Amino acid sequence: MIIPYKQLSPDALQGLIEEFITREGTDYGEIEFSLSQKVKQVELQLERGDVVIVFDVATESVSILTKHDAKLIAAAE
């Protein structure tokens, strides 16, 4: 189930984005970005609709996925 990001409180959205960014724990990119820069990048992707917030009812977990991946998962259900 896709959750519109505007339905989350600013604090909840910030926490979700930060958890998503730090989930892997390692950044192998050529350019290092601060956490606040990464948060802003994800916020912009949410605003553009490139990524969406998805709630998985079965696992009761929330994640951020590309719109394409979210559609693939929805089609498989």
PDB file of N, CA and C in Angstrom:
ATOM      1  N   MET A   1       0.836  -1.158   0.000  1.00  0.00           N
ATOM      2  CA  MET A   1       0.000   0.000   0.000  1.00  0.00           C
ATOM      3  C   MET A   1       0.897   1.243   0.000  1.00  0.00           C
ATOM      4  N   ILE A   2       0.658   2.121  -0.962  1.00  0.00           N
ATOM      5  CA  ILE A   2       1.440   3.356  -1.051  1.00  0.00           C
ATOM      6  C   ILE A   2       0.827   4.393  -0.106  1.00  0.00           C
ATOM      7  N   ILE A   3       1.683   5.002   0.685  1.00  0.00           N
ATOM      8  CA  ILE A   3       1.280   6.035   1.639  1.00  0.00           C
ATOM      9  C   ILE A   3       1.761   7.383   1.098  1.00  0.00           C
ATOM     10  N   PRO A   4       0.858   8.318   0.811  1.00  0.00           N
ATOM     11  CA  PRO A   4       1.301   9.637   0.354  1.00  0.00           C
ATOM     12  C   PRO A   4       2.202  10.295   1.412  1.00  0.00           C
ATOM     13  N   TYR A   5       3.353  10.758   0.985  1.00  0.00           N
ATOM     14  CA  TYR A   5       4.315  11.311   1.947  1.00  0.00           C
ATOM     15  C   TYR A   5       3.768  12.520   2.689  1.00  0.00           C
ATOM     16  N   LYS A   6       2.836  13.222   2.089  1.00  0.00           N
ATOM     17  CA  LYS A   6       2.267  14.412   2.746  1.00  0.00           C
ATOM     18  C   LYS A   6       1.365  14.047   3.924  1.00  0.00           C
ATOM     19  N   GLN A   7       0.990  12.764   4.025  1.00  0.00           N
ATOM     20  CA  GLN A   7       0.156  12.339   5.153  1.00  0.00           C
ATOM     21  C   GLN A   7       0.971  12.108   6.415  1.00  0.00           C
ATOM     22  N   LEU A   8       2.294  12.048   6.285  1.00  0.00           N
ATOM     23  CA  LEU A   8       3.158  11.861   7.450  1.00  0.00           C
ATOM     24  C   LEU A   8       3.486  13.207   8.077  1.00  0.00           C
ATOM     25  N   SER A   9       3.661  13.196   9.380  1.00  0.00           N
ATOM     26  CA  SER A   9       4.107  14.425  10.040  1.00  0.00           C
ATOM     27  C   SER A   9       5.540  14.700   9.589  1.00  0.00           C
ATOM     28  N   PRO A  10       5.982  15.949   9.656  1.00  0.00           N
ATOM     29  CA  PRO A  10       7.356  16.255   9.268  1.00  0.00           C
ATOM     30  C   PRO A  10       8.389  15.416  10.033  1.00  0.00           C
ATOM     31  N   ASP A  11       8.155  15.200  11.331  1.00  0.00           N
ATOM     32  CA  ASP A  11       9.097  14.409  12.121  1.00  0.00           C
ATOM     33  C   ASP A  11       9.112  12.947  11.689  1.00  0.00           C
ATOM     34  N   ALA A  12       7.932  12.388  11.424  1.00  0.00           N
ATOM     35  CA  ALA A  12       7.857  10.991  10.985  1.00  0.00           C
ATOM     36  C   ALA A  12       8.518  10.824   9.622  1.00  0.00           C
ATOM     37  N   LEU A  13       8.282  11.764   8.724  1.00  0.00           N
ATOM     38  CA  LEU A  13       8.892  11.696   7.396  1.00  0.00           C
ATOM     39  C   LEU A  13      10.407  11.802   7.501  1.00  0.00           C
ATOM     40  N   GLN A  14      10.887  12.723   8.312  1.00  0.00           N
ATOM     41  CA  GLN A  14      12.328  12.894   8.515  1.00  0.00           C
ATOM     42  C   GLN A  14      12.938  11.598   9.055  1.00  0.00           C
ATOM     43  N   GLY A  15      12.307  11.002  10.056  1.00  0.00           N
ATOM     44  CA  GLY A  15      12.810   9.762  10.633  1.00  0.00           C
ATOM     45  C   GLY A  15      12.827   8.626   9.637  1.00  0.00           C
ATOM     46  N   LEU A  16      11.773   8.505   8.838  1.00  0.00           N
ATOM     47  CA  LEU A  16      11.702   7.451   7.825  1.00  0.00           C
ATOM     48  C   LEU A  16      12.794   7.621   6.778  1.00  0.00           C
ATOM     49  N   ILE A  17      12.969   8.847   6.309  1.00  0.00           N
ATOM     50  CA  ILE A  17      13.996   9.105   5.296  1.00  0.00           C
ATOM     51  C   ILE A  17      15.382   8.828   5.868  1.00  0.00           C
ATOM     52  N   GLU A  18      15.657   9.277   7.078  1.00  0.00           N
ATOM     53  CA  GLU A  18      16.974   9.041   7.678  1.00  0.00           C
ATOM     54  C   GLU A  18      17.227   7.552   7.880  1.00  0.00           C
ATOM     55  N   GLU A  19      16.204   6.805   8.312  1.00  0.00           N
ATOM     56  CA  GLU A  19      16.360   5.362   8.485  1.00  0.00           C
ATOM     57  C   GLU A  19      16.639   4.700   7.142  1.00  0.00           C
ATOM     58  N   PHE A  20      15.948   5.133   6.102  1.00  0.00           N
ATOM     59  CA  PHE A  20      16.156   4.602   4.760  1.00  0.00           C
ATOM     60  C   PHE A  20      17.586   4.870   4.282  1.00  0.00           C
ATOM     61  N   ILE A  21      18.052   6.079   4.489  1.00  0.00           N
ATOM     62  CA  ILE A  21      19.388   6.465   4.028  1.00  0.00           C
ATOM     63  C   ILE A  21      20.477   5.683   4.757  1.00  0.00           C
ATOM     64  N   THR A  22      20.306   5.499   6.048  1.00  0.00           N
ATOM     65  CA  THR A  22      21.359   4.867   6.853  1.00  0.00           C
ATOM     66  C   THR A  22      21.202   3.357   6.955  1.00  0.00           C
ATOM     67  N   ARG A  23      20.178   2.792   6.345  1.00  0.00           N
ATOM     68  CA  ARG A  23      19.892   1.363   6.448  1.00  0.00           C
ATOM     69  C   ARG A  23      21.081   0.508   6.035  1.00  0.00           C
ATOM     70  N   GLU A  24      21.718   0.833   4.935  1.00  0.00           N
ATOM     71  CA  GLU A  24      22.844   0.036   4.455  1.00  0.00           C
ATOM     72  C   GLU A  24      24.105   0.284   5.276  1.00  0.00           C
ATOM     73  N   GLY A  25      24.228   1.474   5.804  1.00  0.00           N
ATOM     74  CA  GLY A  25      25.363   1.768   6.670  1.00  0.00           C
ATOM     75  C   GLY A  25      26.638   2.172   5.970  1.00  0.00           C
ATOM     76  N   THR A  26      26.698   2.020   4.667  1.00  0.00           N
ATOM     77  CA  THR A  26      27.918   2.351   3.928  1.00  0.00           C
ATOM     78  C   THR A  26      27.546   3.067   2.647  1.00  0.00           C
ATOM     79  N   ASP A  27      28.331   4.068   2.306  1.00  0.00           N
ATOM     80  CA  ASP A  27      28.114   4.813   1.072  1.00  0.00           C
ATOM     81  C   ASP A  27      29.345   4.654   0.204  1.00  0.00           C
ATOM     82  N   TYR A  28      29.167   4.083  -0.971  1.00  0.00           N
ATOM     83  CA  TYR A  28      30.298   3.847  -1.859  1.00  0.00           C
ATOM     84  C   TYR A  28      30.348   4.821  -3.029  1.00  0.00           C
ATOM     85  N   GLY A  29      29.613   5.922  -2.952  1.00  0.00           N
ATOM     86  CA  GLY A  29      29.603   6.885  -4.040  1.00  0.00           C
ATOM     87  C   GLY A  29      30.919   7.641  -4.138  1.00  0.00           C
ATOM     88  N   GLU A  30      31.154   8.220  -5.290  1.00  0.00           N
ATOM     89  CA  GLU A  30      32.383   8.980  -5.514  1.00  0.00           C
ATOM     90  C   GLU A  30      32.393  10.266  -4.703  1.00  0.00           C
ATOM     91  N   ILE A  31      31.220  10.858  -4.536  1.00  0.00           N
ATOM     92  CA  ILE A  31      31.104  12.120  -3.812  1.00  0.00           C
ATOM     93  C   ILE A  31      30.376  11.851  -2.498  1.00  0.00           C
ATOM     94  N   GLU A  32      30.933  12.334  -1.407  1.00  0.00           N
ATOM     95  CA  GLU A  32      30.278  12.163  -0.112  1.00  0.00           C
ATOM     96  C   GLU A  32      29.305  13.304   0.109  1.00  0.00           C
ATOM     97  N   PHE A  33      28.116  12.954   0.578  1.00  0.00           N
ATOM     98  CA  PHE A  33      27.097  13.930   0.897  1.00  0.00           C
ATOM     99  C   PHE A  33      26.773  13.817   2.381  1.00  0.00           C
ATOM    100  N   SER A  34      26.426  14.940   2.993  1.00  0.00           N
ATOM    101  CA  SER A  34      26.018  14.926   4.396  1.00  0.00           C
ATOM    102  C   SER A  34      24.640  14.283   4.505  1.00  0.00           C
ATOM    103  N   LEU A  35      24.271  13.885   5.710  1.00  0.00           N
ATOM    104  CA  LEU A  35      22.955  13.295   5.926  1.00  0.00           C
ATOM    105  C   LEU A  35      21.861  14.270   5.500  1.00  0.00           C
ATOM    106  N   SER A  36      22.010  15.542   5.825  1.00  0.00           N
ATOM    107  CA  SER A  36      20.979  16.523   5.461  1.00  0.00           C
ATOM    108  C   SER A  36      20.865  16.670   3.943  1.00  0.00           C
ATOM    109  N   GLN A  37      21.986  16.575   3.233  1.00  0.00           N
ATOM    110  CA  GLN A  37      21.945  16.630   1.768  1.00  0.00           C
ATOM    111  C   GLN A  37      21.229  15.404   1.201  1.00  0.00           C
ATOM    112  N   LYS A  38      21.498  14.243   1.780  1.00  0.00           N
ATOM    113  CA  LYS A  38      20.842  13.008   1.325  1.00  0.00           C
ATOM    114  C   LYS A  38      19.346  13.063   1.606  1.00  0.00           C
ATOM    115  N   VAL A  39      18.969  13.597   2.777  1.00  0.00           N
ATOM    116  CA  VAL A  39      17.551  13.726   3.119  1.00  0.00           C
ATOM    117  C   VAL A  39      16.867  14.615   2.093  1.00  0.00           C
ATOM    118  N   LYS A  40      17.476  15.722   1.756  1.00  0.00           N
ATOM    119  CA  LYS A  40      16.903  16.648   0.779  1.00  0.00           C
ATOM    120  C   LYS A  40      16.739  15.969  -0.573  1.00  0.00           C
ATOM    121  N   GLN A  41      17.717  15.147  -0.980  1.00  0.00           N
ATOM    122  CA  GLN A  41      17.618  14.431  -2.254  1.00  0.00           C
ATOM    123  C   GLN A  41      16.422  13.487  -2.258  1.00  0.00           C
ATOM    124  N   VAL A  42      16.215  12.762  -1.162  1.00  0.00           N
ATOM    125  CA  VAL A  42      15.081  11.836  -1.078  1.00  0.00           C
ATOM    126  C   VAL A  42      13.765  12.621  -1.040  1.00  0.00           C
ATOM    127  N   GLU A  43      13.738  13.740  -0.326  1.00  0.00           N
ATOM    128  CA  GLU A  43      12.532  14.571  -0.300  1.00  0.00           C
ATOM    129  C   GLU A  43      12.157  15.021  -1.706  1.00  0.00           C
ATOM    130  N   LEU A  44      13.144  15.430  -2.479  1.00  0.00           N
ATOM    131  CA  LEU A  44      12.888  15.863  -3.854  1.00  0.00           C
ATOM    132  C   LEU A  44      12.377  14.706  -4.705  1.00  0.00           C
ATOM    133  N   GLN A  45      12.926  13.513  -4.499  1.00  0.00           N
ATOM    134  CA  GLN A  45      12.451  12.338  -5.232  1.00  0.00           C
ATOM    135  C   GLN A  45      11.006  12.015  -4.866  1.00  0.00           C
ATOM    136  N   LEU A  46      10.645  12.178  -3.597  1.00  0.00           N
ATOM    137  CA  LEU A  46       9.258  11.973  -3.173  1.00  0.00           C
ATOM    138  C   LEU A  46       8.339  13.011  -3.820  1.00  0.00           C
ATOM    139  N   GLU A  47       8.765  14.264  -3.828  1.00  0.00           N
ATOM    140  CA  GLU A  47       7.963  15.328  -4.424  1.00  0.00           C
ATOM    141  C   GLU A  47       7.739  15.096  -5.915  1.00  0.00           C
ATOM    142  N   ARG A  48       8.765  14.613  -6.610  1.00  0.00           N
ATOM    143  CA  ARG A  48       8.658  14.337  -8.049  1.00  0.00           C
ATOM    144  C   ARG A  48       7.886  13.056  -8.332  1.00  0.00           C
ATOM    145  N   GLY A  49       7.740  12.207  -7.333  1.00  0.00           N
ATOM    146  CA  GLY A  49       7.067  10.929  -7.528  1.00  0.00           C
ATOM    147  C   GLY A  49       7.986   9.837  -8.035  1.00  0.00           C
ATOM    148  N   ASP A  50       9.292  10.071  -8.000  1.00  0.00           N
ATOM    149  CA  ASP A  50      10.256   9.052  -8.434  1.00  0.00           C
ATOM    150  C   ASP A  50      10.315   7.887  -7.450  1.00  0.00           C
ATOM    151  N   VAL A  51      10.128   8.201  -6.163  1.00  0.00           N
ATOM    152  CA  VAL A  51      10.082   7.180  -5.116  1.00  0.00           C
ATOM    153  C   VAL A  51       8.796   7.377  -4.325  1.00  0.00           C
ATOM    154  N   VAL A  52       8.349   6.289  -3.687  1.00  0.00           N
ATOM    155  CA  VAL A  52       7.116   6.334  -2.900  1.00  0.00           C
ATOM    156  C   VAL A  52       7.339   5.627  -1.568  1.00  0.00           C
ATOM    157  N   ILE A  53       6.487   5.939  -0.611  1.00  0.00           N
ATOM    158  CA  ILE A  53       6.513   5.277   0.687  1.00  0.00           C
ATOM    159  C   ILE A  53       5.516   4.127   0.619  1.00  0.00           C
ATOM    160  N   VAL A  54       5.992   2.941   0.978  1.00  0.00           N
ATOM    161  CA  VAL A  54       5.164   1.742   0.882  1.00  0.00           C
ATOM    162  C   VAL A  54       5.061   1.083   2.251  1.00  0.00           C
ATOM    163  N   PHE A  55       3.815   0.764   2.634  1.00  0.00           N
ATOM    164  CA  PHE A  55       3.571   0.017   3.862  1.00  0.00           C
ATOM    165  C   PHE A  55       3.235  -1.410   3.478  1.00  0.00           C
ATOM    166  N   ASP A  56       3.973  -2.360   4.030  1.00  0.00           N
ATOM    167  CA  ASP A  56       3.729  -3.785   3.790  1.00  0.00           C
ATOM    168  C   ASP A  56       2.896  -4.317   4.945  1.00  0.00           C
ATOM    169  N   VAL A  57       1.648  -4.656   4.644  1.00  0.00           N
ATOM    170  CA  VAL A  57       0.706  -5.117   5.669  1.00  0.00           C
ATOM    171  C   VAL A  57       1.191  -6.422   6.299  1.00  0.00           C
ATOM    172  N   ALA A  58       1.739  -7.320   5.491  1.00  0.00           N
ATOM    173  CA  ALA A  58       2.158  -8.631   5.994  1.00  0.00           C
ATOM    174  C   ALA A  58       3.262  -8.517   7.036  1.00  0.00           C
ATOM    175  N   THR A  59       4.231  -7.637   6.785  1.00  0.00           N
ATOM    176  CA  THR A  59       5.358  -7.510   7.713  1.00  0.00           C
ATOM    177  C   THR A  59       5.215  -6.300   8.631  1.00  0.00           C
ATOM    178  N   GLU A  60       4.171  -5.502   8.388  1.00  0.00           N
ATOM    179  CA  GLU A  60       3.941  -4.271   9.148  1.00  0.00           C
ATOM    180  C   GLU A  60       5.184  -3.388   9.144  1.00  0.00           C
ATOM    181  N   SER A  61       5.780  -3.245   7.955  1.00  0.00           N
ATOM    182  CA  SER A  61       6.977  -2.422   7.816  1.00  0.00           C
ATOM    183  C   SER A  61       6.761  -1.365   6.738  1.00  0.00           C
ATOM    184  N   VAL A  62       7.556  -0.330   6.824  1.00  0.00           N
ATOM    185  CA  VAL A  62       7.479   0.781   5.880  1.00  0.00           C
ATOM    186  C   VAL A  62       8.827   0.908   5.189  1.00  0.00           C
ATOM    187  N   SER A  63       8.777   1.216   3.901  1.00  0.00           N
ATOM    188  CA  SER A  63      10.013   1.410   3.163  1.00  0.00           C
ATOM    189  C   SER A  63       9.802   2.463   2.088  1.00  0.00           C
ATOM    190  N   ILE A  64      10.891   2.895   1.517  1.00  0.00           N
ATOM    191  CA  ILE A  64      10.854   3.817   0.393  1.00  0.00           C
ATOM    192  C   ILE A  64      11.355   3.034  -0.813  1.00  0.00           C
ATOM    193  N   LEU A  65      10.533   3.014  -1.857  1.00  0.00           N
ATOM    194  CA  LEU A  65      10.872   2.273  -3.072  1.00  0.00           C
ATOM    195  C   LEU A  65      10.718   3.174  -4.287  1.00  0.00           C
ATOM    196  N   THR A  66      11.378   2.793  -5.370  1.00  0.00           N
ATOM    197  CA  THR A  66      11.118   3.508  -6.613  1.00  0.00           C
ATOM    198  C   THR A  66       9.677   3.227  -7.017  1.00  0.00           C
ATOM    199  N   LYS A  67       9.099   4.132  -7.758  1.00  0.00           N
ATOM    200  CA  LYS A  67       7.721   3.937  -8.201  1.00  0.00           C
ATOM    201  C   LYS A  67       7.624   2.650  -9.027  1.00  0.00           C
ATOM    202  N   HIS A  68       8.627   2.381  -9.831  1.00  0.00           N
ATOM    203  CA  HIS A  68       8.656   1.174 -10.660  1.00  0.00           C
ATOM    204  C   HIS A  68       8.636  -0.082  -9.796  1.00  0.00           C
ATOM    205  N   ASP A  69       9.488  -0.140  -8.786  1.00  0.00           N
ATOM    206  CA  ASP A  69       9.534  -1.312  -7.901  1.00  0.00           C
ATOM    207  C   ASP A  69       8.222  -1.482  -7.136  1.00  0.00           C
ATOM    208  N   ALA A  70       7.626  -0.382  -6.717  1.00  0.00           N
ATOM    209  CA  ALA A  70       6.351  -0.456  -5.984  1.00  0.00           C
ATOM    210  C   ALA A  70       5.260  -1.034  -6.886  1.00  0.00           C
ATOM    211  N   LYS A  71       5.256  -0.653  -8.158  1.00  0.00           N
ATOM    212  CA  LYS A  71       4.273  -1.194  -9.099  1.00  0.00           C
ATOM    213  C   LYS A  71       4.492  -2.686  -9.318  1.00  0.00           C
ATOM    214  N   LEU A  72       5.740  -3.114  -9.411  1.00  0.00           N
ATOM    215  CA  LEU A  72       6.045  -4.532  -9.595  1.00  0.00           C
ATOM    216  C   LEU A  72       5.549  -5.347  -8.409  1.00  0.00           C
ATOM    217  N   ILE A  73       5.771  -4.852  -7.216  1.00  0.00           N
ATOM    218  CA  ILE A  73       5.339  -5.548  -6.013  1.00  0.00           C
ATOM    219  C   ILE A  73       3.813  -5.608  -5.963  1.00  0.00           C
ATOM    220  N   ALA A  74       3.157  -4.500  -6.282  1.00  0.00           N
ATOM    221  CA  ALA A  74       1.692  -4.470  -6.268  1.00  0.00           C
ATOM    222  C   ALA A  74       1.111  -5.442  -7.289  1.00  0.00           C
ATOM    223  N   ALA A  75       1.742  -5.554  -8.435  1.00  0.00           N
ATOM    224  CA  ALA A  75       1.256  -6.457  -9.473  1.00  0.00           C
ATOM    225  C   ALA A  75       1.425  -7.922  -9.066  1.00  0.00           C
ATOM    226  N   ALA A  76       2.442  -8.211  -8.272  1.00  0.00           N
ATOM    227  CA  ALA A  76       2.713  -9.581  -7.840  1.00  0.00           C
ATOM    228  C   ALA A  76       1.767 -10.019  -6.722  1.00  0.00           C
ATOM    229  N   GLU A  77       1.141  -9.070  -6.042  1.00  0.00           N
ATOM    230  CA  GLU A  77       0.268  -9.413  -4.906  1.00  0.00           C
ATOM    231  C   GLU A  77      -1.074  -9.874  -5.332  1.00  0.00           C
TER     232      GLU A  77
END
